[in-house]
C-alpha atoms as a PDB file:
ATOM      1  CA  TYR A   1       0.053   0.058  -0.064  1.00  0.00           C
ATOM      2  CA  LEU A   2       2.809   2.403   0.811  1.00  0.00           C
ATOM      3  CA  GLU A   3       4.511   1.702  -2.403  1.00  0.00           C
ATOM      4  CA  VAL A   4       1.452   2.499  -4.399  1.00  0.00           C
ATOM      5  CA  GLN A   5       1.161   5.679  -2.583  1.00  0.00           C
ATOM      6  CA  ARG A   6       4.696   6.664  -3.360  1.00  0.00           C
ATOM      7  CA  LEU A   7       4.293   5.747  -6.934  1.00  0.00           C
ATOM      8  CA  GLU A   8       1.163   7.762  -7.230  1.00  0.00           C
ATOM      9  CA  ALA A   9       2.842  10.652  -5.457  1.00  0.00           C
ATOM     10  CA  TYR A  10       5.751  10.411  -7.899  1.00  0.00           C
ATOM     11  CA  LEU A  11       3.443  10.693 -10.863  1.00  0.00           C
ATOM     12  CA  GLY A  12       1.701  13.688  -9.440  1.00  0.00           C
ATOM     13  CA  GLY A  13      -1.526  12.053  -8.425  1.00  0.00           C
ATOM     14  CA  PRO A  14      -4.031  13.362  -5.597  1.00  0.00           C
ATOM     15  CA  VAL A  15      -2.036  11.296  -2.963  1.00  0.00           C
ATOM     16  CA  ALA A  16       0.866  13.497  -3.259  1.00  0.00           C
ATOM     17  CA  ALA A  17      -0.746  16.368  -1.181  1.00  0.00           C
ATOM     18  CA  SER A  18      -1.908  13.975   1.394  1.00  0.00           C
ATOM     19  CA  LEU A  19       1.222  12.361   1.707  1.00  0.00           C
ATOM     20  CA  ARG A  20       2.932  15.642   2.575  1.00  0.00           C
ATOM     21  CA  LYS A  21       0.279  16.548   5.165  1.00  0.00           C
ATOM     22  CA  HIS A  22       0.140  13.283   7.166  1.00  0.00           C
ATOM     23  CA  LYS A  23       3.880  12.661   7.173  1.00  0.00           C
ATOM     24  CA  MET A  24       4.628  12.087  10.892  1.00  0.00           C
ATOM     25  CA  VAL A  25       8.142  12.524  12.227  1.00  0.00           C
ATOM     26  CA  LEU A  26       9.075  11.796  15.864  1.00  0.00           C
ATOM     27  CA  PRO A  27      10.808  14.636  18.077  1.00  0.00           C
ATOM     28  CA  HIS A  28      14.410  14.677  18.960  1.00  0.00           C
ATOM     29  CA  PRO A  29      13.805  14.032  22.740  1.00  0.00           C
ATOM     30  CA  LEU A  30      11.650  10.871  22.009  1.00  0.00           C
ATOM     31  CA  TYR A  31      14.371   9.390  19.965  1.00  0.00           C
ATOM     32  CA  ARG A  32      16.714   9.996  22.919  1.00  0.00           C
ATOM     33  CA  PHE A  33      14.346   8.233  25.313  1.00  0.00           C
ATOM     34  CA  LEU A  34      13.950   5.224  23.249  1.00  0.00           C
ATOM     35  CA  TYR A  35      17.663   4.990  22.825  1.00  0.00           C
ATOM     36  CA  TRP A  36      18.403   5.147  26.531  1.00  0.00           C
ATOM     37  CA  THR A  37      15.377   2.572  27.193  1.00  0.00           C
ATOM     38  CA  TYR A  38      17.077   0.112  24.549  1.00  0.00           C
ATOM     39  CA  ARG A  39      20.453   0.638  26.274  1.00  0.00           C
ATOM     40  CA  ILE A  40      18.941  -0.032  29.910  1.00  0.00           C
ATOM     41  CA  LEU A  41      17.015  -3.125  28.794  1.00  0.00           C
ATOM     42  CA  SER A  42      19.590  -4.705  26.831  1.00  0.00           C
ATOM     43  CA  GLY A  43      22.106  -4.407  29.352  1.00  0.00           C
ATOM     44  CA  THR A  44      20.021  -5.601  32.115  1.00  0.00           C
ATOM     45  CA  ARG A  45      18.925  -8.667  29.930  1.00  0.00           C
ATOM     46  CA  TYR A  46      22.740  -9.321  29.284  1.00  0.00           C
ATOM     47  CA  ARG A  47      23.963  -8.966  32.821  1.00  0.00           C
ATOM     48  CA  ALA A  48      20.950 -11.279  34.098  1.00  0.00           C
ATOM     49  CA  GLY A  49      21.651 -13.974  31.531  1.00  0.00           C
ATOM     50  CA  ARG A  50      25.195 -14.191  32.705  1.00  0.00           C
ATOM     51  CA  ARG A  51      24.413 -13.654  36.497  1.00  0.00           C
ATOM     52  CA  LEU A  52      21.631 -16.105  37.011  1.00  0.00           C
ATOM     53  CA  THR A  53      21.781 -19.999  36.477  1.00  0.00           C
ATOM     54  CA  ARG A  54      18.889 -22.141  35.264  1.00  0.00           C
ATOM     55  CA  ALA A  55      17.847 -22.639  38.748  1.00  0.00           C
ATOM     56  CA  GLY A  56      18.009 -18.859  39.357  1.00  0.00           C
ATOM     57  CA  TRP A  57      15.660 -18.223  36.483  1.00  0.00           C
ATOM     58  CA  MET A  58      13.235 -20.661  37.904  1.00  0.00           C
ATOM     59  CA  VAL A  59      13.178 -18.867  41.070  1.00  0.00           C
ATOM     60  CA  VAL A  60      12.641 -15.537  39.311  1.00  0.00           C
ATOM     61  CA  ILE A  61       9.841 -16.957  37.261  1.00  0.00           C
ATOM     62  CA  GLY A  62       8.218 -18.301  40.432  1.00  0.00           C
ATOM     63  CA  LEU A  63       8.836 -14.997  42.196  1.00  0.00           C
ATOM     64  CA  VAL A  64       7.017 -13.127  39.408  1.00  0.00           C
ATOM     65  CA  ALA A  65       4.204 -15.704  39.170  1.00  0.00           C
ATOM     66  CA  SER A  66       3.635 -15.631  43.157  1.00  0.00           C
ATOM     67  CA  PHE A  67       3.546 -11.791  43.026  1.00  0.00           C
ATOM     68  CA  LEU A  68       0.828 -11.630  40.227  1.00  0.00           C
ATOM     69  CA  MET A  69      -1.228 -14.636  41.555  1.00  0.00           C
ATOM     70  CA  GLY A  70      -0.730 -13.693  45.243  1.00  0.00           C
ATOM     71  CA  THR A  71      -2.799 -10.626  45.211  1.00  0.00           C
ATOM     72  CA  ASP A  72      -6.031 -12.503  46.177  1.00  0.00           C
ATOM     73  CA  THR A  73      -4.800 -13.732  49.683  1.00  0.00           C
ATOM     74  CA  GLU A  74      -8.285 -15.000  50.546  1.00  0.00           C
ATOM     75  CA  ASN A  75      -8.565 -17.540  47.828  1.00  0.00           C
ATOM     76  CA  THR A  76      -4.971 -18.538  47.193  1.00  0.00           C
ATOM     77  CA  VAL A  77      -1.967 -19.194  49.358  1.00  0.00           C
ATOM     78  CA  VAL A  78       0.451 -18.537  46.717  1.00  0.00           C
ATOM     79  CA  TYR A  79       1.574 -15.420  48.344  1.00  0.00           C
ATOM     80  CA  GLN A  80       3.183 -17.537  51.159  1.00  0.00           C
ATOM     81  CA  GLY A  81       6.023 -18.496  48.742  1.00  0.00           C
ATOM     82  CA  LEU A  82       6.975 -14.962  47.985  1.00  0.00           C
ATOM     83  CA  PRO A  83       9.123 -14.384  50.993  1.00  0.00           C
ATOM     84  CA  ILE A  84      10.714 -17.703  50.706  1.00  0.00           C
ATOM     85  CA  LEU A  85      11.881 -17.028  47.171  1.00  0.00           C
ATOM     86  CA  VAL A  86      13.002 -13.409  47.910  1.00  0.00           C
ATOM     87  CA  PHE A  87      15.050 -14.635  50.632  1.00  0.00           C
ATOM     88  CA  MET A  88      16.503 -17.370  48.421  1.00  0.00           C
ATOM     89  CA  LEU A  89      17.555 -14.928  45.787  1.00  0.00           C
ATOM     90  CA  PHE A  90      18.728 -12.432  48.166  1.00  0.00           C
ATOM     91  CA  THR A  91      20.894 -14.780  50.102  1.00  0.00           C
ATOM     92  CA  ALA A  92      22.408 -16.128  46.873  1.00  0.00           C
ATOM     93  CA  GLY A  93      23.319 -12.666  45.745  1.00  0.00           C
ATOM     94  CA  VAL A  94      25.123 -11.943  49.105  1.00  0.00           C
ATOM     95  CA  PHE A  95      26.930 -15.330  48.806  1.00  0.00           C
ATOM     96  CA  SER A  96      28.260 -14.650  45.411  1.00  0.00           C
ATOM     97  CA  CYS A  97      30.015 -11.637  46.727  1.00  0.00           C
ATOM     98  CA  PHE A  98      32.491 -13.632  48.786  1.00  0.00           C
ATOM     99  CA  PHE A  99      33.963 -15.269  45.621  1.00  0.00           C
ATOM    100  CA  ARG A 100      37.600 -14.110  45.786  1.00  0.00           C
ATOM    101  CA  ALA A 101      40.419 -15.645  43.738  1.00  0.00           C
ATOM    102  CA  ARG A 102      43.231 -14.704  41.261  1.00  0.00           C
ATOM    103  CA  PHE A 103      43.648 -16.112  37.740  1.00  0.00           C
ATOM    104  CA  SER A 104      45.699 -15.490  34.707  1.00  0.00           C
ATOM    105  CA  ALA A 105      44.456 -16.443  31.100  1.00  0.00           C
ATOM    106  CA  THR A 106      46.067 -17.063  27.796  1.00  0.00           C
ATOM    107  CA  ARG A 107      43.732 -17.168  24.673  1.00  0.00           C
ATOM    108  CA  LEU A 108      45.114 -19.212  21.802  1.00  0.00           C
ATOM    109  CA  LEU A 109      43.002 -17.574  19.149  1.00  0.00           C
ATOM    110  CA  PRO A 110      43.136 -18.447  15.320  1.00  0.00           C
ATOM    111  CA  ARG A 111      43.566 -15.513  12.836  1.00  0.00           C
ATOM    112  CA  PHE A 112      40.436 -16.105  10.700  1.00  0.00           C
ATOM    113  CA  GLY A 113      36.912 -17.172  11.055  1.00  0.00           C
ATOM    114  CA  THR A 114      33.951 -17.525   9.048  1.00  0.00           C
ATOM    115  CA  VAL A 115      30.438 -16.392   9.587  1.00  0.00           C
ATOM    116  CA  GLY A 116      27.960 -19.236  10.347  1.00  0.00           C
ATOM    117  CA  ARG A 117      31.013 -21.650  10.968  1.00  0.00           C
ATOM    118  CA  PRO A 118      32.018 -22.739  14.490  1.00  0.00           C
ATOM    119  CA  LEU A 119      35.109 -21.274  15.645  1.00  0.00           C
ATOM    120  CA  TYR A 120      36.956 -23.311  18.227  1.00  0.00           C
ATOM    121  CA  TYR A 121      39.840 -22.150  20.165  1.00  0.00           C
ATOM    122  CA  ARG A 122      41.528 -22.934  23.520  1.00  0.00           C
ATOM    123  CA  VAL A 123      42.120 -20.879  26.790  1.00  0.00           C
ATOM    124  CA  MET A 124      44.934 -21.613  29.320  1.00  0.00           C
ATOM    125  CA  ILE A 125      43.673 -20.614  32.906  1.00  0.00           C
ATOM    126  CA  LYS A 126      46.250 -20.528  35.582  1.00  0.00           C
ATOM    127  CA  ASN A 127      45.340 -20.471  39.306  1.00  0.00           C
ATOM    128  CA  LEU A 128      47.315 -18.031  41.150  1.00  0.00           C
ATOM    129  CA  THR A 129      46.143 -18.818  44.714  1.00  0.00           C
ATOM    130  CA  SER A 130      47.155 -21.460  47.044  1.00  0.00           C
ATOM    131  CA  LYS A 131      43.829 -23.148  47.113  1.00  0.00           C
ATOM    132  CA  THR A 132      41.981 -25.734  44.559  1.00  0.00           C
ATOM    133  CA  GLN A 133      39.437 -23.567  42.516  1.00  0.00           C
ATOM    134  CA  SER A 134      36.689 -25.853  41.256  1.00  0.00           C
ATOM    135  CA  ASP A 135      32.946 -25.502  40.075  1.00  0.00           C
ATOM    136  CA  LEU A 136      34.152 -22.867  37.620  1.00  0.00           C
ATOM    137  CA  VAL A 137      32.360 -21.769  34.515  1.00  0.00           C
ATOM    138  CA  TYR A 138      34.145 -19.860  31.704  1.00  0.00           C
ATOM    139  CA  LEU A 139      32.451 -16.795  30.074  1.00  0.00           C
ATOM    140  CA  GLU A 140      33.775 -14.615  27.257  1.00  0.00           C
ATOM    141  CA  ASN A 141      33.662 -10.979  27.293  1.00  0.00           C
ATOM    142  CA  LEU A 142      33.295  -9.372  23.802  1.00  0.00           C
ATOM    143  CA  ALA A 143      33.288  -5.789  22.926  1.00  0.00           C
ATOM    144  CA  ASP A 144      30.042  -3.904  23.222  1.00  0.00           C
ATOM    145  CA  PRO A 145      28.218  -4.373  19.884  1.00  0.00           C
ATOM    146  CA  ARG A 146      25.554  -1.689  20.543  1.00  0.00           C
ATOM    147  CA  PRO A 147      25.674   1.256  18.389  1.00  0.00           C
ATOM    148  CA  THR A 148      25.991   4.969  19.382  1.00  0.00           C
ATOM    149  CA  TYR A 149      22.982   7.183  19.448  1.00  0.00           C
ATOM    150  CA  ALA A 150      23.610   8.563  15.970  1.00  0.00           C
ATOM    151  CA  ASP A 151      23.873   5.075  14.403  1.00  0.00           C
ATOM    152  CA  TRP A 152      20.915   3.791  16.158  1.00  0.00           C
ATOM    153  CA  LYS A 153      18.880   6.814  15.108  1.00  0.00           C
ATOM    154  CA  ALA A 154      19.875   6.588  11.472  1.00  0.00           C
ATOM    155  CA  ALA A 155      19.181   2.716  11.536  1.00  0.00           C
ATOM    156  CA  ALA A 156      15.741   3.299  13.234  1.00  0.00           C
ATOM    157  CA  ILE A 157      14.662   5.859  10.536  1.00  0.00           C
ATOM    158  CA  ALA A 158      15.640   3.793   7.710  1.00  0.00           C
ATOM    159  CA  ASP A 159      14.084   0.813   9.168  1.00  0.00           C
ATOM    160  CA  ASN A 160      10.659   2.794   9.513  1.00  0.00           C
ATOM    161  CA  ARG A 161      10.744   3.567   5.878  1.00  0.00           C
ATOM    162  CA  LYS A 162      10.824  -0.044   4.764  1.00  0.00           C
ATOM    163  CA  ILE A 163       7.809  -2.567   4.646  1.00  0.00           C
ATOM    164  CA  ARG A 164       8.695  -5.574   6.599  1.00  0.00           C
ATOM    165  CA  PRO A 165       7.788  -9.041   5.222  1.00  0.00           C
ATOM    166  CA  PHE A 166       5.736 -11.312   7.407  1.00  0.00           C
ATOM    167  CA  THR A 167       8.612 -13.487   8.212  1.00  0.00           C
ATOM    168  CA  VAL A 168      10.437 -14.305  11.174  1.00  0.00           C
ATOM    169  CA  ASN A 169      14.203 -13.640  11.116  1.00  0.00           C
ATOM    170  CA  ALA A 170      16.588 -14.806  13.778  1.00  0.00           C
ATOM    171  CA  ARG A 171      18.618 -11.535  13.514  1.00  0.00           C
ATOM    172  CA  ARG A 172      15.584  -9.252  13.695  1.00  0.00           C
ATOM    173  CA  GLY A 173      15.334  -9.724  17.529  1.00  0.00           C
ATOM    174  CA  LYS A 174      19.001  -9.217  18.159  1.00  0.00           C
ATOM    175  CA  PRO A 175      20.256  -7.144  15.135  1.00  0.00           C
ATOM    176  CA  HIS A 176      23.536  -5.941  16.915  1.00  0.00           C
ATOM    177  CA  ARG A 177      24.523  -9.412  18.166  1.00  0.00           C
ATOM    178  CA  ILE A 178      27.972 -10.407  16.723  1.00  0.00           C
ATOM    179  CA  ALA A 179      28.495 -13.879  18.144  1.00  0.00           C
ATOM    180  CA  GLN A 180      27.172 -16.649  19.947  1.00  0.00           C
ATOM    181  CA  ILE A 181      29.392 -18.186  22.552  1.00  0.00           C
ATOM    182  CA  LYS A 182      28.717 -21.328  24.609  1.00  0.00           C
ATOM    183  CA  GLU A 183      29.490 -21.584  28.241  1.00  0.00           C
ATOM    184  CA  ALA A 184      32.556 -23.916  28.949  1.00  0.00           C
ATOM    185  CA  ASP A 185      32.978 -25.969  32.154  1.00  0.00           C
ATOM    186  CA  VAL A 186      36.508 -25.331  33.725  1.00  0.00           C
ATOM    187  CA  PRO A 187      38.019 -28.350  35.515  1.00  0.00           C
ATOM    188  CA  SER A 188      39.260 -28.243  38.971  1.00  0.00           C
ATOM    189  CA  ILE A 189      42.490 -26.354  39.079  1.00  0.00           C
ATOM    190  CA  PRO A 190      44.965 -27.260  41.872  1.00  0.00           C
ATOM    191  CA  PRO A 191      47.075 -24.629  43.645  1.00  0.00           C
ATOM    192  CA  LYS A 192      49.442 -22.741  41.262  1.00  0.00           C
ATOM    193  CA  GLY A 193      48.158 -25.196  38.649  1.00  0.00           C
ATOM    194  CA  GLU A 194      47.016 -24.620  34.923  1.00  0.00           C
ATOM    195  CA  VAL A 195      44.165 -26.318  32.856  1.00  0.00           C
ATOM    196  CA  GLU A 196      43.032 -26.006  29.338  1.00  0.00           C
ATOM    197  CA  VAL A 197      39.509 -25.001  28.341  1.00  0.00           C
ATOM    198  CA  ARG A 198      38.046 -25.418  24.838  1.00  0.00           C
ATOM    199  CA  VAL A 199      35.687 -22.743  23.774  1.00  0.00           C
ATOM    200  CA  ASP A 200      33.060 -22.826  21.098  1.00  0.00           C
ATOM    201  CA  LEU A 201      32.140 -19.760  19.321  1.00  0.00           C
ATOM    202  CA  GLU A 202      29.848 -19.010  16.146  1.00  0.00           C
ATOM    203  CA  PRO A 203      30.385 -15.505  14.441  1.00  0.00           C
ATOM    204  CA  LEU A 204      27.134 -14.061  13.335  1.00  0.00           C
ATOM    205  CA  ARG A 205      28.647 -10.952  11.360  1.00  0.00           C
ATOM    206  CA  ARG A 206      31.852 -10.317   9.485  1.00  0.00           C
ATOM    207  CA  GLY A 207      34.619  -7.878  10.382  1.00  0.00           C
ATOM    208  CA  VAL A 208      36.842  -7.662  13.342  1.00  0.00           C
ATOM    209  CA  LEU A 209      35.661  -9.626  16.365  1.00  0.00           C
ATOM    210  CA  LYS A 210      37.024  -7.909  19.580  1.00  0.00           C
ATOM    211  CA  PHE A 211      37.577  -9.625  22.776  1.00  0.00           C
ATOM    212  CA  GLY A 212      37.591  -7.534  26.022  1.00  0.00           C
ATOM    213  CA  GLY A 213      38.744 -10.180  28.397  1.00  0.00           C
ATOM    214  CA  VAL A 214      37.599 -13.392  30.151  1.00  0.00           C
ATOM    215  CA  THR A 215      35.051 -14.171  33.156  1.00  0.00           C
ATOM    216  CA  LEU A 216      35.320 -16.922  35.542  1.00  0.00           C
ATOM    217  CA  ALA A 217      31.961 -17.460  37.335  1.00  0.00           C
ATOM    218  CA  ARG A 218      31.041 -19.700  40.331  1.00  0.00           C
ATOM    219  CA  PRO A 219      27.529 -20.316  41.658  1.00  0.00           C
ATOM    220  CA  ASP A 220      26.524 -19.720  45.189  1.00  0.00           C
ATOM    221  CA  PRO A 221      25.749 -22.780  47.636  1.00  0.00           C
ATOM    222  CA  PHE A 222      22.131 -22.476  46.377  1.00  0.00           C
ATOM    223  CA  GLY A 223      23.101 -22.673  42.671  1.00  0.00           C
ATOM    224  CA  LEU A 224      21.108 -19.617  41.705  1.00  0.00           C
ATOM    225  CA  PHE A 225      23.444 -16.655  41.460  1.00  0.00           C
ATOM    226  CA  ARG A 226      27.069 -16.410  40.039  1.00  0.00           C
ATOM    227  CA  GLY A 227      30.020 -14.614  41.416  1.00  0.00           C
ATOM    228  CA  PHE A 228      32.527 -13.134  38.735  1.00  0.00           C
ATOM    229  CA  ILE A 229      36.285 -12.923  38.643  1.00  0.00           C
ATOM    230  CA  ARG A 230      37.253 -10.827  35.401  1.00  0.00           C
ATOM    231  CA  VAL A 231      40.609 -11.211  33.657  1.00  0.00           C
ATOM    232  CA  PRO A 232      41.533  -8.476  31.288  1.00  0.00           C
ATOM    233  CA  LEU A 233      42.802 -10.064  27.935  1.00  0.00           C
ATOM    234  CA  ALA A 234      42.265  -8.008  24.908  1.00  0.00           C
ATOM    235  CA  GLN A 235      42.606  -9.643  21.551  1.00  0.00           C
ATOM    236  CA  SER A 236      40.845  -9.654  18.203  1.00  0.00           C
ATOM    237  CA  THR A 237      40.251 -11.888  15.187  1.00  0.00           C
ATOM    238  CA  LEU A 238      38.989 -11.344  11.765  1.00  0.00           C
ATOM    239  CA  ILE A 239      35.649 -12.807  10.503  1.00  0.00           C
ATOM    240  CA  LEU A 240      35.327 -13.641   6.816  1.00  0.00           C
ATOM    241  CA  PRO A 241      31.964 -13.378   5.029  1.00  0.00           C
ATOM    242  CA  LYS A 242      29.728 -16.389   4.939  1.00  0.00           C
ATOM    243  CA  ARG A 243      30.552 -19.000   2.220  1.00  0.00           C
ATOM    244  CA  TYR A 244      27.997 -20.808   0.400  1.00  0.00           C
ATOM    245  CA  PRO A 245      28.267 -24.266  -1.245  1.00  0.00           C
ATOM    246  CA  LEU A 246      28.415 -24.299  -5.074  1.00  0.00           C
ATOM    247  CA  PRO A 247      27.439 -27.199  -7.433  1.00  0.00           C
ATOM    248  CA  THR A 248      30.216 -28.983  -9.231  1.00  0.00           C
ATOM    249  CA  ILE A 249      31.209 -27.102 -12.481  1.00  0.00           C
ATOM    250  CA  ALA A 250      32.354 -29.463 -15.186  1.00  0.00           C
ATOM    251  CA  MET A 251      35.131 -27.402 -17.282  1.00  0.00           C
ATOM    252  CA  PRO A 252      36.848 -29.940 -19.721  1.00  0.00           C
ATOM    253  CA  GLY A 253      40.198 -28.518 -20.669  1.00  0.00           C
ATOM    254  CA  ALA A 254      41.497 -31.376 -22.989  1.00  0.00           C
ATOM    255  CA  MET A 255      42.094 -30.363 -26.563  1.00  0.00           C
ATOM    256  CA  LYS A 256      40.217 -32.742 -28.873  1.00  0.00           C
ATOM    257  CA  TYR A 257      39.527 -32.239 -32.608  1.00  0.00           C
ATOM    258  CA  GLN A 258      40.674 -29.070 -34.197  1.00  0.00           C
ATOM    259  CA  GLU A 259      37.883 -27.074 -36.176  1.00  0.00           C
ATOM    260  CA  GLY A 260      38.848 -26.546 -39.745  1.00  0.00           C
ATOM    261  CA  GLY A 261      41.048 -29.530 -40.015  1.00  0.00           C
ATOM    262  CA  VAL A 262      44.938 -29.905 -39.885  1.00  0.00           C
ATOM    263  CA  ALA A 263      45.540 -27.248 -42.139  1.00  0.00           C
ATOM    264  CA  MET A 264      43.916 -24.617 -39.868  1.00  0.00           C
ATOM    265  CA  ALA A 265      45.557 -26.031 -36.842  1.00  0.00           C
ATOM    266  CA  SER A 266      48.860 -25.738 -38.365  1.00  0.00           C
ATOM    267  CA  ASN A 267      48.229 -22.066 -39.316  1.00  0.00           C
ATOM    268  CA  ILE A 268      46.925 -21.131 -35.646  1.00  0.00           C
ATOM    269  CA  GLY A 269      49.743 -22.978 -33.987  1.00  0.00           C
ATOM    270  CA  ARG A 270      47.436 -25.387 -32.120  1.00  0.00           C
ATOM    271  CA  SER A 271      48.541 -28.514 -33.593  1.00  0.00           C
ATOM    272  CA  GLU A 272      50.179 -31.191 -31.395  1.00  0.00           C
ATOM    273  CA  GLU A 273      52.886 -31.812 -34.200  1.00  0.00           C
ATOM    274  CA  PHE A 274      55.843 -29.484 -34.546  1.00  0.00           C
ATOM    275  CA  VAL A 275      56.155 -27.773 -38.051  1.00  0.00           C
ATOM    276  CA  SER A 276      58.189 -24.825 -37.604  1.00  0.00           C
ATOM    277  CA  LEU A 277      58.636 -21.691 -35.162  1.00  0.00           C
ATOM    278  CA  ARG A 278      56.534 -18.347 -35.859  1.00  0.00           C
ATOM    279  CA  GLU A 279      56.022 -15.033 -34.091  1.00  0.00           C
ATOM    280  CA  TYR A 280      54.225 -14.808 -30.897  1.00  0.00           C
ATOM    281  CA  ARG A 281      50.594 -13.697 -31.352  1.00  0.00           C
ATOM    282  CA  ARG A 282      48.321 -12.165 -28.926  1.00  0.00           C
ATOM    283  CA  GLY A 283      46.284 -14.841 -27.256  1.00  0.00           C
ATOM    284  CA  ASP A 284      48.689 -17.644 -27.814  1.00  0.00           C
ATOM    285  CA  PRO A 285      48.993 -19.916 -24.633  1.00  0.00           C
ATOM    286  CA  TYR A 286      52.381 -19.397 -22.885  1.00  0.00           C
ATOM    287  CA  ARG A 287      53.074 -23.097 -22.586  1.00  0.00           C
ATOM    288  CA  HIS A 288      53.582 -23.347 -26.367  1.00  0.00           C
ATOM    289  CA  ILE A 289      56.230 -20.483 -26.456  1.00  0.00           C
ATOM    290  CA  HIS A 290      59.820 -21.871 -27.019  1.00  0.00           C
ATOM    291  CA  TRP A 291      61.592 -19.877 -24.604  1.00  0.00           C
ATOM    292  CA  ARG A 292      65.140 -20.509 -25.774  1.00  0.00           C
ATOM    293  CA  SER A 293      64.441 -19.330 -29.212  1.00  0.00           C
ATOM    294  CA  TRP A 294      62.498 -16.183 -27.787  1.00  0.00           C
ATOM    295  CA  ALA A 295      65.622 -15.499 -25.916  1.00  0.00           C
ATOM    296  CA  LYS A 296      67.662 -15.042 -29.005  1.00  0.00           C
ATOM    297  CA  THR A 297      65.399 -12.256 -30.393  1.00  0.00           C
ATOM    298  CA  GLY A 298      66.456  -9.803 -27.759  1.00  0.00           C
ATOM    299  CA  LYS A 299      62.958  -8.501 -27.030  1.00  0.00           C
END
């Protein structure tokens, strides 16, 4: 419908004046508010996804459900579970603050990767304390892929001008996501010991993939909330564009019968039998040049 309106407006139809009148432009402060809302929500979702375990997410879901269904205290007893869930989540957060340790890491990163192909690399983690560290989870810290306000505003305006198809795209919900990294379990590290961790990463966009550091997480005794130890380790690798498989192309290169007979083959110099030498002509294959005779010409 919008395409028809633009076409009629271009041709000077009666819709041209109505399009100019009803064109709506969002004010500048509203774009700024939407951008900061996007920053706060995306940052909260990212941090909550790393801090909470699966059991912690179940507690949060139960907490929200009990809060919504516990308003009617006369007919339901769901509200009784609300203080218990709050206490568990609060205690788990407090216990995670007591995670103290020191580590060093070395990332053995390949030079290149490809969009859509798994990228495997190894990380050497060393325990710098005199205690055995166990129940650790390896998390990767990538550079913040979120755009600046100017880039976000330009992309939002350009996206509003398009007619979106009725399809579900995996990148539409997270358009600025650059890679998908799986959590890796870290084996027990003895005092002053070193272990190797294998990390699985899948690039989603081409370009330079920047790493800011590594994070070693340990859950609390309840297994709900994680405590973090961050190790700075800046590196980068180049992600190449996505490769697409092509069907086999048959390109026969063998010489068969010469068109025009033996006489024509002798004139153009494509015969397999040697008759005589002639001057080089543009288009002749280099493999048929007699280089010793060519060297005597001095040109």
